[in-house]
Amino acid sequence: PAPPVITLSRLKTIEDKLPPSKFLRIHRSFIVAIPKIDSFSKNAVQIGKTNLSVGDLYKETFMEMMGMKD
């Protein structure tokens, strides 16, 4: 697996530079590459053996992007 990216930039700055069709902010600490998502629920994303929580602030947008919105 790829090593984590370590930077002094704010995650918002990085998020703004990434294409929104390929990357999604799911938590105040996590941005994920949508094609790398192996499975998901409304509360978590699995990428390989790593489970990441979906933060409350990002759930609605995440569910819309993943086609889970009513």
C-alpha atoms as a PDB file:
ATOM      1  CA  PRO A   1       0.000   0.000   0.000  1.00  0.00           C
ATOM      2  CA  ALA A   2       1.002   3.594  -0.555  1.00  0.00           C
ATOM      3  CA  PRO A   3       2.449   5.411   2.454  1.00  0.00           C
ATOM      4  CA  PRO A   4       0.380   8.206   4.013  1.00  0.00           C
ATOM      5  CA  VAL A   5       0.932  11.710   2.714  1.00  0.00           C
ATOM      6  CA  ILE A   6       2.472  13.997   5.324  1.00  0.00           C
ATOM      7  CA  THR A   7       2.242  17.736   4.715  1.00  0.00           C
ATOM      8  CA  LEU A   8       1.958  21.029   6.536  1.00  0.00           C
ATOM      9  CA  SER A   9      -0.840  22.144   4.188  1.00  0.00           C
ATOM     10  CA  ARG A  10      -4.404  22.217   5.419  1.00  0.00           C
ATOM     11  CA  LEU A  11      -6.525  19.332   4.171  1.00  0.00           C
ATOM     12  CA  LYS A  12      -8.993  21.874   2.738  1.00  0.00           C
ATOM     13  CA  THR A  13      -6.217  23.310   0.531  1.00  0.00           C
ATOM     14  CA  ILE A  14      -5.415  19.843  -0.793  1.00  0.00           C
ATOM     15  CA  GLU A  15      -9.109  18.994  -1.219  1.00  0.00           C
ATOM     16  CA  ASP A  16      -9.614  22.122  -3.357  1.00  0.00           C
ATOM     17  CA  LYS A  17      -6.820  21.018  -5.726  1.00  0.00           C
ATOM     18  CA  LEU A  18      -8.118  17.469  -6.247  1.00  0.00           C
ATOM     19  CA  PRO A  19     -10.721  16.596  -8.908  1.00  0.00           C
ATOM     20  CA  PRO A  20     -14.062  16.167  -7.074  1.00  0.00           C
ATOM     21  CA  SER A  21     -15.085  13.367  -9.450  1.00  0.00           C
ATOM     22  CA  LYS A  22     -12.211  11.202  -8.135  1.00  0.00           C
ATOM     23  CA  PHE A  23     -11.674  12.302  -4.529  1.00  0.00           C
ATOM     24  CA  LEU A  24     -14.099  12.771  -1.653  1.00  0.00           C
ATOM     25  CA  ARG A  25     -13.719  14.253   1.809  1.00  0.00           C
ATOM     26  CA  ILE A  26     -15.291  11.806   4.262  1.00  0.00           C
ATOM     27  CA  HIS A  27     -13.966  13.126   7.567  1.00  0.00           C
ATOM     28  CA  ARG A  28     -12.101  16.158   8.855  1.00  0.00           C
ATOM     29  CA  SER A  29      -8.986  13.965   8.729  1.00  0.00           C
ATOM     30  CA  PHE A  30      -9.590  11.919   5.556  1.00  0.00           C
ATOM     31  CA  ILE A  31      -9.898  12.433   1.810  1.00  0.00           C
ATOM     32  CA  VAL A  32     -10.289   9.202  -0.165  1.00  0.00           C
ATOM     33  CA  ALA A  33      -9.790   8.297  -3.813  1.00  0.00           C
ATOM     34  CA  ILE A  34     -13.254   7.118  -4.890  1.00  0.00           C
ATOM     35  CA  PRO A  35     -11.922   4.388  -7.261  1.00  0.00           C
ATOM     36  CA  LYS A  36      -9.930   2.869  -4.362  1.00  0.00           C
ATOM     37  CA  ILE A  37     -13.007   2.311  -2.155  1.00  0.00           C
ATOM     38  CA  ASP A  38     -13.589  -1.450  -1.791  1.00  0.00           C
ATOM     39  CA  SER A  39     -16.796  -1.230   0.241  1.00  0.00           C
ATOM     40  CA  PHE A  40     -18.793   1.308   2.215  1.00  0.00           C
ATOM     41  CA  SER A  41     -21.731   1.913   4.501  1.00  0.00           C
ATOM     42  CA  LYS A  42     -23.208   5.213   5.641  1.00  0.00           C
ATOM     43  CA  ASN A  43     -20.733   5.247   8.551  1.00  0.00           C
ATOM     44  CA  ALA A  44     -17.496   3.822   7.123  1.00  0.00           C
ATOM     45  CA  VAL A  45     -15.348   3.244   4.039  1.00  0.00           C
ATOM     46  CA  GLN A  46     -13.068   0.271   3.522  1.00  0.00           C
ATOM     47  CA  ILE A  47      -9.953   0.593   1.375  1.00  0.00           C
ATOM     48  CA  GLY A  48      -8.028  -2.656   1.417  1.00  0.00           C
ATOM     49  CA  LYS A  49      -7.760  -3.680   5.064  1.00  0.00           C
ATOM     50  CA  THR A  50      -8.210  -0.101   6.321  1.00  0.00           C
ATOM     51  CA  ASN A  51     -11.554   1.093   7.678  1.00  0.00           C
ATOM     52  CA  LEU A  52     -12.153   4.847   7.821  1.00  0.00           C
ATOM     53  CA  SER A  53     -15.054   6.523   9.592  1.00  0.00           C
ATOM     54  CA  VAL A  54     -17.337   8.882   7.702  1.00  0.00           C
ATOM     55  CA  GLY A  55     -17.700  12.051   9.770  1.00  0.00           C
ATOM     56  CA  ASP A  56     -21.154  13.434  10.568  1.00  0.00           C
ATOM     57  CA  LEU A  57     -20.421  16.655   8.655  1.00  0.00           C
ATOM     58  CA  TYR A  58     -19.627  14.676   5.490  1.00  0.00           C
ATOM     59  CA  LYS A  59     -22.288  11.906   5.607  1.00  0.00           C
ATOM     60  CA  GLU A  60     -24.913  13.608   3.450  1.00  0.00           C
ATOM     61  CA  THR A  61     -22.482  14.474   0.639  1.00  0.00           C
ATOM     62  CA  PHE A  62     -20.864  11.040   0.890  1.00  0.00           C
ATOM     63  CA  MET A  63     -24.192   9.246   0.648  1.00  0.00           C
ATOM     64  CA  GLU A  64     -25.189  11.340  -2.393  1.00  0.00           C
ATOM     65  CA  MET A  65     -21.883  10.630  -4.162  1.00  0.00           C
ATOM     66  CA  MET A  66     -22.154   6.907  -3.470  1.00  0.00           C
ATOM     67  CA  GLY A  67     -25.770   6.739  -4.674  1.00  0.00           C
ATOM     68  CA  MET A  68     -27.231   6.055  -1.228  1.00  0.00           C
ATOM     69  CA  LYS A  69     -29.485   9.122  -1.041  1.00  0.00           C
ATOM     70  CA  ASP A  70     -33.262   8.640  -1.184  1.00  0.00           C
END
